[in-house]
Amino acid sequence: KMAGDSRFPDVDTDGSENSEEMEIVVNVGGVRQVFYGDNLNQYPETRLAELVNCLSGGYDSIFSLCDDYDPGKREFYFDRDPDAFKCIIDVYYFGEIHMKKGICPICFKNEMEFWKVDLKFLDDCCKAHLSEKKEELEEIARRVQLILDDLGIDASESHWKRCQKCIWKFLEKPESSYPARVIAVLSFLFILISSVVMCVGTIPDLQVVDAEGNRMEHPTLESIETACIGWFTMEYVLRLISSPNKLHFALSFMNIVDVLAILPFYVSLTLTHLGAKLMELSNVQQAVQALRIMRIARIFKLARHSSGLQTLTYALKRSFKELGLLLMYLAVGIFVFSALGYTMEQSHPETLFKSIPQSFWWAIITMTTVGYGDIYPKTTLGKLNAAISFLCGVIAIALPIHPIINNFVRYYNKQRVLETAAKHELELMELNSAEGKATGSRSELEDPSREGKEGPFYSSRIKVSHSDTFIHLLSEEKHYRTRLQSCK
């Protein structure tokens, strides 16, 4: 074959062979497939359908669609994934595409784009898998971008902006430096100390009696509590001042928990010193006691320092359907068995089942296998009803537990994979940046004239490749196929 030929001499161009009856052979990665024009022309916009009519267009037309062509066999060669191709050609026979297990969704999407097959033909189950993979890549890109933003220093920023970034990293990102890890450990210890002090302060032997004869916390425990609140207040104020988006920071759930853990101390302090002038002393004390109970909210601050608690929260959030089923099963069982228990126990003169609403308590503790024992059946039928109720309760509780555990394990493993992938991307970026700098140094040695104007420009190009080469979501530019894009 000559590159200058505009047509293949043995290509039939007189139209004697109908395109509907034409037979073409496609070789994809060494796997040969035979197609007929009537099948392919069902979807004329696809690449395979274009092959039917490209023979009359000559060399340029054919090689714009395939990698190689054998005119003697009428065989088109493609250097593509044969496994993905076997799935894609199902659209010509069944009108839909299913992705095989083990094929990367992102790679499969790229293959569909190459063969010019619309994603609407992909089945819904496979679309969900593709969407999940896209979300994972976006999450990896977001994590890498955050790390790059932390590493980058913009000389054009003011001194205050740079200080804000340093404080934010110092308080929010323990992995950024050794002092940041120390601060995170101290914050964790203050939370534990404050929780322990709150519990110990309720022990009567450690309380003192004031002038009015009321028991109150020991002054030493109050001092420790004040020191902990001072730490929490300083930490929250510094984080609020240094946060990049203060509105998002203030409305974040964990930051609302921080406020709820701090606020009762200052409100009770205000009521203690000023409330006596506005209301009776007994009302002030009751209000202070109610606010002091709100200190239990600070235990939720541990979630900021524990990935396990965060994973548990997310797993429960993703398991609303299973939890709803569990509550529905229990609600139906509680209503049925409490009504049966009330009816069966009415014949006994010393019955403890006074009403159906009162029987709800018995049904709850029975179906959850707690067995508190304050209400129990005394008749034979009532005991039989109780036995059936706790057996049904065990089954109702056990059924939804497995999906909830699966959600927890799946999310935990996914977070570990994403963290590992983000670290690998950073390592690849560093390697690519080092190679770019080495290439730039050799070029400057070979061409000293580039040290003037082109030096800074070349350096900026290396910086761009450092941040956007390996994850295509970090930039609109796509320099070449990367590890994440090929999903290896």
Protein backbone atom coordinates (compact mmCIF):
# COMPACT_ATOMS: atom_id res chain seq x y z
CA LYS A 1 0.00 0.00 0.00
CA MET A 2 1.30 3.41 -0.97
CA ALA A 3 0.69 6.42 1.20
CA GLY A 4 0.01 8.55 -1.82
CA ASP A 5 -2.82 6.37 -3.14
CA SER A 6 -6.18 8.05 -2.86
CA ARG A 7 -8.03 4.74 -3.38
CA PHE A 8 -7.39 1.07 -2.96
CA PRO A 9 -7.44 -0.52 -6.40
CA ASP A 10 -9.45 -3.55 -5.29
CA VAL A 11 -12.13 -1.69 -3.40
CA ASP A 12 -15.50 -2.12 -5.06
CA THR A 13 -16.74 1.39 -5.81
CA ASP A 14 -19.35 0.74 -8.44
CA GLY A 15 -22.06 0.24 -5.87
CA SER A 16 -22.73 -3.31 -7.01
CA GLU A 17 -22.70 -4.56 -3.45
CA ASN A 18 -25.51 -3.20 -1.32
CA SER A 19 -24.29 -1.72 1.97
CA GLU A 20 -27.11 -3.57 3.75
CA GLU A 21 -25.67 -6.92 2.63
CA MET A 22 -21.99 -5.99 2.95
CA GLU A 23 -19.89 -8.15 5.23
CA ILE A 24 -16.97 -6.57 7.05
CA VAL A 25 -14.38 -8.10 9.37
CA VAL A 26 -13.18 -6.19 12.42
CA ASN A 27 -10.06 -7.24 14.31
CA VAL A 28 -9.92 -5.68 17.77
CA GLY A 29 -6.81 -6.54 19.79
CA GLY A 30 -6.42 -9.84 17.90
CA VAL A 31 -10.09 -10.88 18.25
CA ARG A 32 -11.92 -11.09 14.89
CA GLN A 33 -15.62 -10.27 14.56
CA VAL A 34 -17.76 -10.43 11.42
CA PHE A 35 -20.57 -7.90 10.94
CA TYR A 36 -23.24 -7.25 8.33
CA GLY A 37 -24.29 -3.86 7.10
CA ASP A 38 -27.96 -4.25 8.02
CA ASN A 39 -27.03 -4.71 11.69
CA LEU A 40 -24.55 -1.87 11.80
CA ASN A 41 -26.75 0.62 9.97
CA GLN A 42 -29.27 0.53 12.80
CA TYR A 43 -27.02 3.07 14.49
CA PRO A 44 -25.45 5.08 11.64
CA GLU A 45 -23.61 7.51 13.94
CA THR A 46 -21.40 4.76 15.41
CA ARG A 47 -17.87 4.04 14.18
CA LEU A 48 -18.69 0.52 12.99
CA ALA A 49 -21.57 1.83 10.85
CA GLU A 50 -19.21 4.38 9.30
CA LEU A 51 -16.90 1.53 8.26
CA VAL A 52 -19.60 0.23 5.93
CA ASN A 53 -19.51 3.36 3.79
CA CYS A 54 -15.85 4.36 4.15
CA LEU A 55 -14.40 2.03 1.49
CA SER A 56 -15.31 4.36 -1.33
CA GLY A 57 -13.54 7.24 0.40
CA GLY A 58 -10.02 5.90 -0.14
CA TYR A 59 -7.00 5.79 2.12
CA ASP A 60 -7.73 8.91 4.16
CA SER A 61 -11.32 7.96 4.87
CA ILE A 62 -10.48 4.42 5.99
CA PHE A 63 -7.51 5.28 8.17
CA SER A 64 -9.43 8.08 9.88
CA LEU A 65 -11.61 5.34 11.39
CA CYS A 66 -9.21 2.45 12.06
CA ASP A 67 -5.56 1.75 12.84
CA ASP A 68 -4.90 -0.55 9.87
CA TYR A 69 -6.73 -2.19 6.97
CA ASP A 70 -6.24 -5.30 4.83
CA PRO A 71 -7.96 -4.66 1.46
CA GLY A 72 -7.70 -8.31 0.42
CA LYS A 73 -9.66 -9.56 3.43
CA ARG A 74 -11.61 -6.35 3.97
CA GLU A 75 -10.39 -6.57 7.57
CA PHE A 76 -10.20 -3.48 9.78
CA TYR A 77 -7.67 -3.50 12.63
CA PHE A 78 -8.11 -1.64 15.91
CA ASP A 79 -5.68 -1.46 18.81
CA ARG A 80 -8.41 -1.35 21.46
CA ASP A 81 -9.64 -3.46 24.38
CA PRO A 82 -11.32 -6.62 22.98
CA ASP A 83 -13.21 -7.39 26.23
CA ALA A 84 -14.88 -3.99 26.24
CA PHE A 85 -15.60 -4.30 22.52
CA LYS A 86 -17.46 -7.59 23.05
CA CYS A 87 -19.78 -5.78 25.46
CA ILE A 88 -20.25 -2.72 23.24
CA ILE A 89 -21.35 -4.68 20.15
CA ASP A 90 -24.37 -5.95 22.12
CA VAL A 91 -26.07 -2.67 21.22
CA TYR A 92 -26.41 -3.87 17.59
CA TYR A 93 -28.16 -7.07 18.68
CA PHE A 94 -30.00 -6.27 21.90
CA GLY A 95 -30.25 -2.48 21.94
CA GLU A 96 -28.50 -2.17 25.30
CA ILE A 97 -25.05 -2.64 26.79
CA HIS A 98 -23.99 -4.40 29.97
CA MET A 99 -20.49 -3.94 31.35
CA LYS A 100 -18.63 -7.12 32.29
CA LYS A 101 -17.44 -7.56 35.82
CA GLY A 102 -13.77 -6.64 36.17
CA ILE A 103 -13.72 -3.93 33.50
CA CYS A 104 -12.87 -0.45 34.74
CA PRO A 105 -15.96 1.79 34.30
CA ILE A 106 -13.88 4.83 33.25
CA CYS A 107 -12.02 2.79 30.63
CA PHE A 108 -15.31 1.34 29.41
CA LYS A 109 -16.74 4.85 29.06
CA ASN A 110 -13.69 5.85 27.00
CA GLU A 111 -14.16 2.79 24.79
CA MET A 112 -17.80 3.70 24.22
CA GLU A 113 -16.76 7.21 23.23
CA PHE A 114 -14.20 5.78 20.78
CA TRP A 115 -16.79 3.53 19.12
CA LYS A 116 -19.21 6.50 19.12
CA VAL A 117 -21.89 4.66 21.08
CA ASP A 118 -24.08 6.88 23.24
CA LEU A 119 -24.02 6.31 26.99
CA LYS A 120 -27.82 6.11 27.01
CA PHE A 121 -27.51 2.51 25.79
CA LEU A 122 -25.63 1.56 28.95
CA ASP A 123 -27.88 -0.26 31.41
CA ASP A 124 -28.90 1.55 34.60
CA CYS A 125 -27.00 -0.83 36.88
CA CYS A 126 -23.79 -0.15 34.94
CA LYS A 127 -24.47 3.60 34.93
CA ALA A 128 -24.63 3.52 38.72
CA HIS A 129 -21.24 1.78 38.81
CA LEU A 130 -19.82 4.39 36.43
CA SER A 131 -21.20 7.25 38.54
CA GLU A 132 -19.65 5.73 41.66
CA LYS A 133 -16.26 5.51 39.95
CA LYS A 134 -16.53 9.13 38.79
CA GLU A 135 -17.28 10.20 42.35
CA GLU A 136 -14.19 8.33 43.57
CA LEU A 137 -11.99 10.07 41.01
CA GLU A 138 -13.47 13.44 41.93
CA GLU A 139 -12.82 12.72 45.61
CA ILE A 140 -9.20 11.77 44.87
CA ALA A 141 -8.79 14.92 42.79
CA ARG A 142 -10.27 17.01 45.59
CA ARG A 143 -7.93 15.52 48.18
CA VAL A 144 -4.88 15.98 45.99
CA GLN A 145 -5.90 19.53 45.18
CA LEU A 146 -6.28 20.34 48.89
CA ILE A 147 -2.80 18.97 49.58
CA LEU A 148 -1.36 20.93 46.66
CA ASP A 149 -3.07 24.08 47.88
CA ASP A 150 -1.50 23.54 51.31
CA LEU A 151 1.94 23.00 49.79
CA GLY A 152 1.71 25.95 47.42
CA ILE A 153 2.74 29.42 48.62
CA ASP A 154 1.42 32.37 46.67
CA ALA A 155 3.85 35.26 46.93
CA SER A 156 1.14 37.71 45.86
CA GLU A 157 -0.93 37.02 48.99
CA SER A 158 -0.75 39.35 51.94
CA HIS A 159 1.01 38.48 55.15
CA TRP A 160 -2.35 38.08 56.94
CA LYS A 161 -3.60 35.60 54.32
CA ARG A 162 -0.48 33.51 54.70
CA CYS A 163 -0.89 33.57 58.50
CA GLN A 164 -4.50 32.45 58.12
CA LYS A 165 -3.43 29.47 56.00
CA CYS A 166 -0.74 28.52 58.50
CA ILE A 167 -3.19 28.67 61.46
CA TRP A 168 -5.78 26.67 59.51
CA LYS A 169 -3.27 23.94 58.67
CA PHE A 170 -1.98 23.99 62.24
CA LEU A 171 -5.43 23.39 63.77
CA GLU A 172 -7.30 21.45 61.07
CA LYS A 173 -4.68 19.21 59.47
CA PRO A 174 -2.67 17.19 62.01
CA GLU A 175 -0.82 15.36 59.23
CA SER A 176 0.73 18.61 57.94
CA SER A 177 3.45 18.85 60.62
CA TYR A 178 4.65 17.48 63.95
CA PRO A 179 3.42 20.51 66.02
CA ALA A 180 -0.01 20.14 64.38
CA ARG A 181 -0.12 16.51 65.53
CA VAL A 182 0.78 17.63 69.06
CA ILE A 183 -2.07 20.16 69.04
CA ALA A 184 -4.50 17.48 67.84
CA VAL A 185 -3.43 15.15 70.67
CA LEU A 186 -3.80 17.97 73.22
CA SER A 187 -7.28 18.77 71.95
CA PHE A 188 -8.20 15.10 72.23
CA LEU A 189 -6.90 14.96 75.81
CA PHE A 190 -8.81 18.11 76.80
CA ILE A 191 -12.02 16.54 75.51
CA LEU A 192 -11.40 13.40 77.56
CA ILE A 193 -10.45 15.36 80.69
CA SER A 194 -13.52 17.57 80.40
CA SER A 195 -15.80 14.54 79.99
CA VAL A 196 -14.22 12.77 82.97
CA VAL A 197 -14.53 15.91 85.13
CA MET A 198 -18.20 16.23 84.20
CA CYS A 199 -18.83 12.65 85.37
CA VAL A 200 -16.67 12.81 88.50
CA GLY A 201 -18.31 16.09 89.54
CA THR A 202 -21.60 14.28 90.13
CA ILE A 203 -20.14 11.97 92.83
CA PRO A 204 -21.62 13.14 96.19
CA ASP A 205 -18.42 12.43 98.15
CA LEU A 206 -16.48 14.84 95.92
CA GLN A 207 -19.04 17.65 96.10
CA VAL A 208 -19.02 20.52 98.60
CA VAL A 209 -21.89 22.32 100.34
CA ASP A 210 -22.35 26.05 99.80
CA ALA A 211 -23.68 28.61 102.28
CA GLU A 212 -27.31 27.83 101.39
CA GLY A 213 -26.78 24.10 101.98
CA ASN A 214 -26.85 23.13 98.30
CA ARG A 215 -24.37 20.68 96.91
CA MET A 216 -22.02 21.94 94.20
CA GLU A 217 -18.94 20.73 92.34
CA HIS A 218 -15.58 20.82 94.02
CA PRO A 219 -13.63 24.05 93.28
CA THR A 220 -10.71 22.05 91.87
CA LEU A 221 -12.97 20.33 89.35
CA GLU A 222 -14.50 23.69 88.45
CA SER A 223 -11.02 25.07 87.78
CA ILE A 224 -10.20 22.15 85.50
CA GLU A 225 -13.52 22.66 83.74
CA THR A 226 -12.75 26.35 83.25
CA ALA A 227 -9.33 25.56 81.79
CA CYS A 228 -10.86 23.06 79.34
CA ILE A 229 -13.52 25.55 78.26
CA GLY A 230 -10.81 28.17 77.78
CA TRP A 231 -8.94 25.79 75.47
CA PHE A 232 -12.11 24.94 73.51
CA THR A 233 -12.98 28.62 73.16
CA MET A 234 -9.53 29.62 71.96
CA GLU A 235 -9.46 26.71 69.51
CA TYR A 236 -12.88 27.55 68.06
CA VAL A 237 -12.13 31.28 67.70
CA LEU A 238 -8.80 30.62 65.95
CA ARG A 239 -10.40 28.13 63.60
CA LEU A 240 -13.22 30.56 62.82
CA ILE A 241 -10.81 33.43 62.13
CA SER A 242 -8.56 31.33 59.89
CA SER A 243 -11.29 29.45 58.02
CA PRO A 244 -11.43 30.17 54.25
CA ASN A 245 -15.26 30.10 54.22
CA LYS A 246 -16.64 31.38 57.51
CA LEU A 247 -20.33 30.81 56.67
CA HIS A 248 -19.70 27.18 55.75
CA PHE A 249 -17.58 26.80 58.87
CA ALA A 250 -20.29 28.21 61.16
CA LEU A 251 -23.02 25.98 59.67
CA SER A 252 -20.96 22.78 59.72
CA PHE A 253 -22.47 20.11 61.98
CA MET A 254 -19.30 19.43 63.96
CA ASN A 255 -18.71 23.15 64.52
CA ILE A 256 -22.28 23.53 65.77
CA VAL A 257 -21.48 20.72 68.22
CA ASP A 258 -18.40 22.68 69.33
CA VAL A 259 -20.57 25.73 70.03
CA LEU A 260 -23.09 23.64 71.97
CA ALA A 261 -20.24 22.25 74.07
CA ILE A 262 -18.90 25.73 74.91
CA LEU A 263 -22.06 27.82 75.19
CA PRO A 264 -23.58 26.26 78.37
CA PHE A 265 -20.56 27.29 80.43
CA TYR A 266 -20.87 30.98 79.52
CA VAL A 267 -24.67 31.00 79.77
CA SER A 268 -24.62 29.36 83.21
CA LEU A 269 -21.88 31.77 84.29
CA THR A 270 -24.03 34.70 83.18
CA LEU A 271 -27.11 33.34 84.91
CA THR A 272 -25.19 32.71 88.11
CA HIS A 273 -23.91 36.30 88.36
CA LEU A 274 -26.75 38.24 86.76
CA GLY A 275 -29.78 35.93 86.85
CA ALA A 276 -30.39 36.34 90.58
CA LYS A 277 -31.33 39.97 89.99
CA LEU A 278 -33.87 39.04 87.29
CA MET A 279 -35.51 35.88 88.68
CA GLU A 280 -35.72 33.76 91.81
CA LEU A 281 -32.59 31.96 92.93
CA SER A 282 -34.25 28.52 92.64
CA ASN A 283 -35.16 29.17 88.99
CA VAL A 284 -31.58 30.25 88.29
CA GLN A 285 -30.21 27.06 89.80
CA GLN A 286 -32.61 24.90 87.78
CA ALA A 287 -31.61 26.69 84.59
CA VAL A 288 -27.92 26.27 85.40
CA GLN A 289 -28.39 22.55 86.07
CA ALA A 290 -30.25 22.11 82.77
CA LEU A 291 -27.46 23.89 80.90
CA ARG A 292 -24.77 21.87 82.62
CA ILE A 293 -26.39 18.70 81.26
CA MET A 294 -25.74 20.07 77.76
CA ARG A 295 -22.04 19.58 78.40
CA ILE A 296 -22.46 15.99 77.25
CA ALA A 297 -22.42 17.40 73.69
CA ARG A 298 -18.64 17.80 73.93
CA ILE A 299 -18.18 14.04 73.70
CA PHE A 300 -19.21 14.39 70.05
CA LYS A 301 -16.13 16.57 69.54
CA LEU A 302 -14.19 13.31 69.49
CA ALA A 303 -15.56 12.71 66.00
CA ARG A 304 -13.29 15.50 64.69
CA HIS A 305 -10.26 13.45 65.74
CA SER A 306 -11.57 9.95 65.02
CA SER A 307 -11.94 8.62 61.49
CA GLY A 308 -13.74 5.59 62.97
CA LEU A 309 -16.54 7.74 64.41
CA GLN A 310 -16.81 9.63 61.13
CA THR A 311 -17.07 6.33 59.27
CA LEU A 312 -19.77 5.13 61.68
CA THR A 313 -21.75 8.35 61.16
CA TYR A 314 -21.53 8.02 57.40
CA ALA A 315 -22.50 4.33 57.52
CA LEU A 316 -25.59 5.14 59.59
CA LYS A 317 -26.44 7.96 57.19
CA ARG A 318 -26.20 5.57 54.25
CA SER A 319 -28.26 2.97 56.12
CA PHE A 320 -31.42 5.03 56.65
CA LYS A 321 -33.41 2.57 54.56
CA GLU A 322 -32.27 -0.44 56.61
CA LEU A 323 -32.78 1.43 59.88
CA GLY A 324 -36.25 2.46 58.71
CA LEU A 325 -37.08 -1.18 58.00
CA LEU A 326 -35.82 -2.16 61.45
CA LEU A 327 -37.98 0.47 63.16
CA MET A 328 -40.97 -0.51 61.04
CA TYR A 329 -40.61 -4.20 61.98
CA LEU A 330 -40.31 -3.32 65.64
CA ALA A 331 -43.23 -0.85 65.52
CA VAL A 332 -45.55 -3.43 63.95
CA GLY A 333 -44.45 -6.12 66.40
CA ILE A 334 -44.79 -3.79 69.41
CA PHE A 335 -48.32 -2.81 68.42
CA VAL A 336 -49.47 -6.39 67.72
CA PHE A 337 -47.92 -8.09 70.76
CA SER A 338 -48.88 -5.33 73.20
CA ALA A 339 -52.52 -5.57 72.05
CA LEU A 340 -52.44 -9.37 72.32
CA GLY A 341 -50.77 -9.22 75.72
CA TYR A 342 -53.36 -6.77 77.04
CA THR A 343 -56.25 -8.94 75.78
CA MET A 344 -54.84 -12.22 77.14
CA GLU A 345 -54.00 -10.79 80.57
CA GLN A 346 -57.41 -9.26 81.25
CA SER A 347 -58.68 -12.58 82.69
CA HIS A 348 -56.12 -12.51 85.51
CA PRO A 349 -57.22 -10.56 88.64
CA GLU A 350 -53.70 -9.26 89.34
CA THR A 351 -52.86 -8.25 85.79
CA LEU A 352 -50.10 -5.71 85.22
CA PHE A 353 -51.38 -4.79 81.75
CA LYS A 354 -53.67 -1.87 82.55
CA SER A 355 -53.95 -0.53 78.98
CA ILE A 356 -52.55 -1.09 75.50
CA PRO A 357 -50.35 2.09 75.59
CA GLN A 358 -48.95 0.90 78.91
CA SER A 359 -48.28 -2.48 77.32
CA PHE A 360 -46.08 -0.79 74.71
CA TRP A 361 -43.30 -0.58 77.31
CA TRP A 362 -43.52 -4.33 77.96
CA ALA A 363 -43.49 -5.09 74.22
CA ILE A 364 -40.43 -2.85 73.65
CA ILE A 365 -38.27 -4.40 76.37
CA THR A 366 -39.41 -7.90 75.34
CA MET A 367 -38.79 -7.60 71.59
CA THR A 368 -35.38 -5.99 72.18
CA THR A 369 -34.55 -8.84 74.65
CA VAL A 370 -33.89 -6.38 77.50
CA GLY A 371 -36.38 -7.95 79.87
CA TYR A 372 -36.63 -5.20 82.48
CA GLY A 373 -39.12 -7.24 84.51
CA ASP A 374 -41.39 -4.53 85.93
CA ILE A 375 -44.29 -5.77 83.74
CA TYR A 376 -44.67 -9.45 82.94
CA PRO A 377 -47.49 -11.82 81.94
CA LYS A 378 -49.10 -14.16 84.47
CA THR A 379 -51.40 -16.26 82.30
CA THR A 380 -50.34 -19.20 80.12
CA LEU A 381 -51.49 -17.54 76.89
CA GLY A 382 -49.73 -14.31 77.94
CA LYS A 383 -46.46 -16.17 78.47
CA LEU A 384 -46.82 -17.87 75.09
CA ASN A 385 -47.41 -14.46 73.51
CA ALA A 386 -44.28 -13.13 75.27
CA ALA A 387 -42.18 -16.06 73.99
CA ILE A 388 -43.30 -15.47 70.40
CA SER A 389 -42.72 -11.71 70.75
CA PHE A 390 -39.06 -11.95 71.79
CA LEU A 391 -38.35 -14.58 69.12
CA CYS A 392 -39.83 -12.26 66.51
CA GLY A 393 -37.83 -9.39 68.01
CA VAL A 394 -34.55 -11.28 67.59
CA ILE A 395 -35.37 -11.99 63.94
CA ALA A 396 -36.52 -8.41 63.25
CA ILE A 397 -33.34 -6.93 64.71
CA ALA A 398 -30.99 -9.43 63.07
CA LEU A 399 -32.28 -9.06 59.50
CA PRO A 400 -31.20 -5.44 58.75
CA ILE A 401 -27.93 -5.63 60.71
CA HIS A 402 -25.93 -7.28 57.93
CA PRO A 403 -26.53 -4.51 55.32
CA ILE A 404 -25.64 -1.87 57.92
CA ILE A 405 -22.35 -3.62 58.72
CA ASN A 406 -21.65 -3.96 54.99
CA ASN A 407 -22.15 -0.21 54.52
CA PHE A 408 -19.70 0.48 57.33
CA VAL A 409 -17.04 -1.90 55.98
CA ARG A 410 -17.50 -0.68 52.41
CA TYR A 411 -17.13 3.00 53.35
CA TYR A 412 -14.16 2.34 55.65
CA ASN A 413 -12.31 0.39 52.95
CA LYS A 414 -13.20 3.01 50.36
CA GLN A 415 -11.72 5.79 52.50
CA ARG A 416 -8.49 3.85 52.91
CA VAL A 417 -8.29 3.24 49.15
CA LEU A 418 -8.89 6.93 48.42
CA GLU A 419 -6.19 7.98 50.87
CA THR A 420 -3.72 5.55 49.30
CA ALA A 421 -4.65 6.69 45.78
CA ALA A 422 -4.18 10.34 46.71
CA LYS A 423 -0.71 9.58 48.14
CA HIS A 424 0.24 7.68 44.98
CA GLU A 425 -0.86 10.59 42.82
CA LEU A 426 1.30 12.97 44.83
CA GLU A 427 4.27 10.63 44.47
CA LEU A 428 3.73 10.47 40.70
CA MET A 429 3.46 14.25 40.54
CA GLU A 430 6.73 14.65 42.42
CA LEU A 431 8.41 12.15 40.11
CA ASN A 432 7.08 13.91 37.03
CA SER A 433 8.13 17.28 38.40
CA ALA A 434 11.65 15.98 39.08
CA GLU A 435 11.89 14.58 35.54
CA GLY A 436 10.66 17.88 34.12
CA LYS A 437 13.23 19.84 36.07
CA ALA A 438 15.99 17.47 34.96
CA THR A 439 14.91 17.87 31.33
CA GLY A 440 14.79 21.63 31.75
CA SER A 441 18.31 21.67 33.22
CA ARG A 442 19.67 19.67 30.27
CA SER A 443 17.94 21.98 27.81
CA GLU A 444 19.36 25.05 29.48
CA LEU A 445 22.84 23.54 29.37
CA GLU A 446 22.44 22.78 25.69
CA ASP A 447 20.93 26.19 24.87
CA PRO A 448 22.24 28.93 27.19
CA SER A 449 20.18 31.55 25.34
CA ARG A 450 17.03 30.19 27.03
CA GLU A 451 18.06 31.41 30.46
CA GLY A 452 16.58 34.86 29.82
CA LYS A 453 12.95 35.16 28.92
CA GLU A 454 12.16 31.50 28.50
CA GLY A 455 13.48 30.41 31.88
CA PRO A 456 10.54 31.57 34.01
CA PHE A 457 8.02 30.45 31.37
CA TYR A 458 9.52 26.97 31.29
CA SER A 459 9.50 26.84 35.06
CA SER A 460 5.80 27.71 35.12
CA ARG A 461 5.07 24.93 32.66
CA ILE A 462 6.74 22.45 35.01
CA LYS A 463 4.62 23.78 37.84
CA VAL A 464 1.47 23.21 35.78
CA SER A 465 2.48 19.65 34.97
CA HIS A 466 3.15 19.08 38.67
CA SER A 467 -0.45 19.90 39.55
CA ASP A 468 -2.59 18.73 36.64
CA THR A 469 -0.90 15.96 34.73
CA PHE A 470 -1.89 12.89 36.71
CA ILE A 471 -5.49 13.72 37.60
CA HIS A 472 -7.45 15.09 34.70
CA LEU A 473 -10.11 16.51 37.03
CA LEU A 474 -7.61 19.00 38.46
CA SER A 475 -7.38 20.89 35.20
CA GLU A 476 -9.17 21.16 31.88
CA GLU A 477 -5.91 20.38 30.05
CA LYS A 478 -5.20 16.71 29.27
CA HIS A 479 -1.55 16.24 28.39
CA TYR A 480 -1.49 12.48 28.00
CA ARG A 481 -3.03 9.27 29.28
CA THR A 482 -2.37 8.88 32.97
CA ARG A 483 -2.50 6.19 35.63
CA LEU A 484 -5.89 7.31 36.93
CA GLN A 485 -7.34 7.67 33.45
CA SER A 486 -6.26 4.13 32.61
CA CYS A 487 -7.24 3.00 36.14
CA LYS A 488 -4.32 0.65 36.54
